[in-house]
Amino acid sequence: MITKKMAVAAAMLLSVALAGCAQTEGQQRATTGALVGGAGGALLGQAIGGNTKSTVIGAASGALLGAVVGSATTPRGEQMCRYRARDGRIFTAPCDERYYNGNY
């Protein structure tokens, strides 16, 4: 039988694993902001409402706000992208025109 603590631990591990899939700094910051905001929102929702519904609403609101703040605070410098060379090598370099035009 899966307990509530096991479900929360599994959800957190899955979130951390998915956070590693982000490719650009903006994606990483948005994902981290969503994780931190979701956890903080869940704690705040539980403290205010004291029931599951308020915890879920707090977690969702916190995750959304955290993702927006994380994305908005990304420095707007030259973005780095990952590329694969013809020989299979993966390397990072400044993003080319396709990234900025949305044609990647």
C-alpha atoms as a PDB file:
ATOM      1  CA  MET A   1       0.000   0.000   0.000  1.00  0.00           C
ATOM      2  CA  ILE A   2       1.360   3.413  -0.972  1.00  0.00           C
ATOM      3  CA  THR A   3       1.342   5.922   1.833  1.00  0.00           C
ATOM      4  CA  LYS A   4       1.008   9.657   1.467  1.00  0.00           C
ATOM      5  CA  LYS A   5       4.673  10.159   2.381  1.00  0.00           C
ATOM      6  CA  MET A   6       5.781   7.678  -0.294  1.00  0.00           C
ATOM      7  CA  ALA A   7       3.667   9.437  -2.920  1.00  0.00           C
ATOM      8  CA  VAL A   8       5.120  12.835  -1.999  1.00  0.00           C
ATOM      9  CA  ALA A   9       8.675  11.452  -2.065  1.00  0.00           C
ATOM     10  CA  ALA A  10       8.072   9.853  -5.471  1.00  0.00           C
ATOM     11  CA  ALA A  11       6.628  13.093  -6.859  1.00  0.00           C
ATOM     12  CA  MET A  12       9.629  15.070  -5.607  1.00  0.00           C
ATOM     13  CA  LEU A  13      12.107  12.582  -7.092  1.00  0.00           C
ATOM     14  CA  LEU A  14      10.301  12.684 -10.415  1.00  0.00           C
ATOM     15  CA  SER A  15      10.342  16.493 -10.376  1.00  0.00           C
ATOM     16  CA  VAL A  16      14.064  16.578  -9.682  1.00  0.00           C
ATOM     17  CA  ALA A  17      14.702  14.059 -12.466  1.00  0.00           C
ATOM     18  CA  LEU A  18      12.668  16.124 -14.927  1.00  0.00           C
ATOM     19  CA  ALA A  19      14.479  19.291 -13.885  1.00  0.00           C
ATOM     20  CA  GLY A  20      17.684  17.734 -15.214  1.00  0.00           C
ATOM     21  CA  CYS A  21      16.143  17.561 -18.695  1.00  0.00           C
ATOM     22  CA  ALA A  22      16.123  21.338 -19.144  1.00  0.00           C
ATOM     23  CA  GLN A  23      18.481  22.485 -21.890  1.00  0.00           C
ATOM     24  CA  THR A  24      18.800  26.243 -21.640  1.00  0.00           C
ATOM     25  CA  GLU A  25      19.432  28.410 -18.611  1.00  0.00           C
ATOM     26  CA  GLY A  26      15.927  29.874 -18.900  1.00  0.00           C
ATOM     27  CA  GLN A  27      14.374  26.408 -18.826  1.00  0.00           C
ATOM     28  CA  GLN A  28      16.498  25.433 -15.839  1.00  0.00           C
ATOM     29  CA  ARG A  29      15.537  28.564 -13.932  1.00  0.00           C
ATOM     30  CA  ALA A  30      11.834  28.115 -14.742  1.00  0.00           C
ATOM     31  CA  THR A  31      11.924  24.482 -13.633  1.00  0.00           C
ATOM     32  CA  THR A  32      13.763  25.278 -10.417  1.00  0.00           C
ATOM     33  CA  GLY A  33      11.369  28.150  -9.718  1.00  0.00           C
ATOM     34  CA  ALA A  34       8.405  25.838 -10.271  1.00  0.00           C
ATOM     35  CA  LEU A  35       9.834  23.230  -7.882  1.00  0.00           C
ATOM     36  CA  VAL A  36      10.619  25.728  -5.137  1.00  0.00           C
ATOM     37  CA  GLY A  37       7.355  27.620  -5.632  1.00  0.00           C
ATOM     38  CA  GLY A  38       5.320  24.418  -5.634  1.00  0.00           C
ATOM     39  CA  ALA A  39       6.879  23.213  -2.398  1.00  0.00           C
ATOM     40  CA  GLY A  40       6.458  26.601  -0.731  1.00  0.00           C
ATOM     41  CA  GLY A  41       2.906  26.938  -1.999  1.00  0.00           C
ATOM     42  CA  ALA A  42       1.993  23.483  -0.707  1.00  0.00           C
ATOM     43  CA  LEU A  43       3.370  24.303   2.736  1.00  0.00           C
ATOM     44  CA  LEU A  44       1.581  27.640   2.806  1.00  0.00           C
ATOM     45  CA  GLY A  45      -1.680  26.120   1.544  1.00  0.00           C
ATOM     46  CA  GLN A  46      -1.536  23.437   4.217  1.00  0.00           C
ATOM     47  CA  ALA A  47      -0.791  26.003   6.922  1.00  0.00           C
ATOM     48  CA  ILE A  48      -3.671  28.258   5.867  1.00  0.00           C
ATOM     49  CA  GLY A  49      -6.365  25.749   4.915  1.00  0.00           C
ATOM     50  CA  GLY A  50      -5.294  22.615   6.759  1.00  0.00           C
ATOM     51  CA  ASN A  51      -6.782  20.255   4.167  1.00  0.00           C
ATOM     52  CA  THR A  52      -5.776  18.526   0.936  1.00  0.00           C
ATOM     53  CA  LYS A  53      -7.667  20.902  -1.339  1.00  0.00           C
ATOM     54  CA  SER A  54      -5.869  23.987  -0.034  1.00  0.00           C
ATOM     55  CA  THR A  55      -2.519  22.157  -0.212  1.00  0.00           C
ATOM     56  CA  VAL A  56      -3.061  21.270  -3.881  1.00  0.00           C
ATOM     57  CA  ILE A  57      -4.234  24.781  -4.741  1.00  0.00           C
ATOM     58  CA  GLY A  58      -1.229  26.265  -2.930  1.00  0.00           C
ATOM     59  CA  ALA A  59       1.176  23.894  -4.707  1.00  0.00           C
ATOM     60  CA  ALA A  60      -0.266  24.665  -8.139  1.00  0.00           C
ATOM     61  CA  SER A  61      -0.292  28.416  -7.540  1.00  0.00           C
ATOM     62  CA  GLY A  62       3.227  28.364  -6.134  1.00  0.00           C
ATOM     63  CA  ALA A  63       4.555  26.298  -9.034  1.00  0.00           C
ATOM     64  CA  LEU A  64       3.024  28.651 -11.586  1.00  0.00           C
ATOM     65  CA  LEU A  65       4.328  31.755  -9.847  1.00  0.00           C
ATOM     66  CA  GLY A  66       7.752  30.168  -9.319  1.00  0.00           C
ATOM     67  CA  ALA A  67       8.059  29.232 -12.992  1.00  0.00           C
ATOM     68  CA  VAL A  68       7.118  32.746 -14.100  1.00  0.00           C
ATOM     69  CA  VAL A  69       9.574  34.376 -11.686  1.00  0.00           C
ATOM     70  CA  GLY A  70      12.346  31.911 -12.574  1.00  0.00           C
ATOM     71  CA  SER A  71      11.869  32.530 -16.272  1.00  0.00           C
ATOM     72  CA  ALA A  72      11.632  36.302 -15.870  1.00  0.00           C
ATOM     73  CA  THR A  73      14.864  36.501 -13.866  1.00  0.00           C
ATOM     74  CA  THR A  74      16.953  34.753 -16.517  1.00  0.00           C
ATOM     75  CA  PRO A  75      19.765  37.052 -17.610  1.00  0.00           C
ATOM     76  CA  ARG A  76      19.224  38.208 -21.183  1.00  0.00           C
ATOM     77  CA  GLY A  77      22.695  37.652 -22.490  1.00  0.00           C
ATOM     78  CA  GLU A  78      23.858  35.417 -25.237  1.00  0.00           C
ATOM     79  CA  GLN A  79      22.025  32.095 -24.983  1.00  0.00           C
ATOM     80  CA  MET A  80      23.991  28.881 -25.241  1.00  0.00           C
ATOM     81  CA  CYS A  81      22.532  25.933 -27.148  1.00  0.00           C
ATOM     82  CA  ARG A  82      23.525  22.293 -27.449  1.00  0.00           C
ATOM     83  CA  TYR A  83      24.445  21.016 -30.903  1.00  0.00           C
ATOM     84  CA  ARG A  84      25.369  17.626 -32.308  1.00  0.00           C
ATOM     85  CA  ALA A  85      28.248  17.517 -34.781  1.00  0.00           C
ATOM     86  CA  ARG A  86      28.170  15.190 -37.789  1.00  0.00           C
ATOM     87  CA  ASP A  87      30.520  12.795 -36.023  1.00  0.00           C
ATOM     88  CA  GLY A  88      28.041  12.495 -33.093  1.00  0.00           C
ATOM     89  CA  ARG A  89      29.884  14.796 -30.699  1.00  0.00           C
ATOM     90  CA  ILE A  90      27.630  17.046 -28.577  1.00  0.00           C
ATOM     91  CA  PHE A  91      28.885  20.555 -27.842  1.00  0.00           C
ATOM     92  CA  THR A  92      27.579  23.901 -26.642  1.00  0.00           C
ATOM     93  CA  ALA A  93      27.913  27.131 -28.556  1.00  0.00           C
ATOM     94  CA  PRO A  94      26.051  30.431 -28.841  1.00  0.00           C
ATOM     95  CA  CYS A  95      22.586  29.900 -30.306  1.00  0.00           C
ATOM     96  CA  ASP A  96      22.176  30.693 -33.975  1.00  0.00           C
ATOM     97  CA  GLU A  97      19.390  32.566 -35.784  1.00  0.00           C
ATOM     98  CA  ARG A  98      17.036  29.552 -35.766  1.00  0.00           C
ATOM     99  CA  TYR A  99      16.811  29.673 -31.950  1.00  0.00           C
ATOM    100  CA  TYR A 100      15.784  33.308 -31.829  1.00  0.00           C
ATOM    101  CA  ASN A 101      13.301  32.939 -34.720  1.00  0.00           C
ATOM    102  CA  GLY A 102      11.674  29.822 -33.231  1.00  0.00           C
ATOM    103  CA  ASN A 103      12.758  27.616 -36.156  1.00  0.00           C
ATOM    104  CA  TYR A 104      14.843  25.113 -34.215  1.00  0.00           C
END
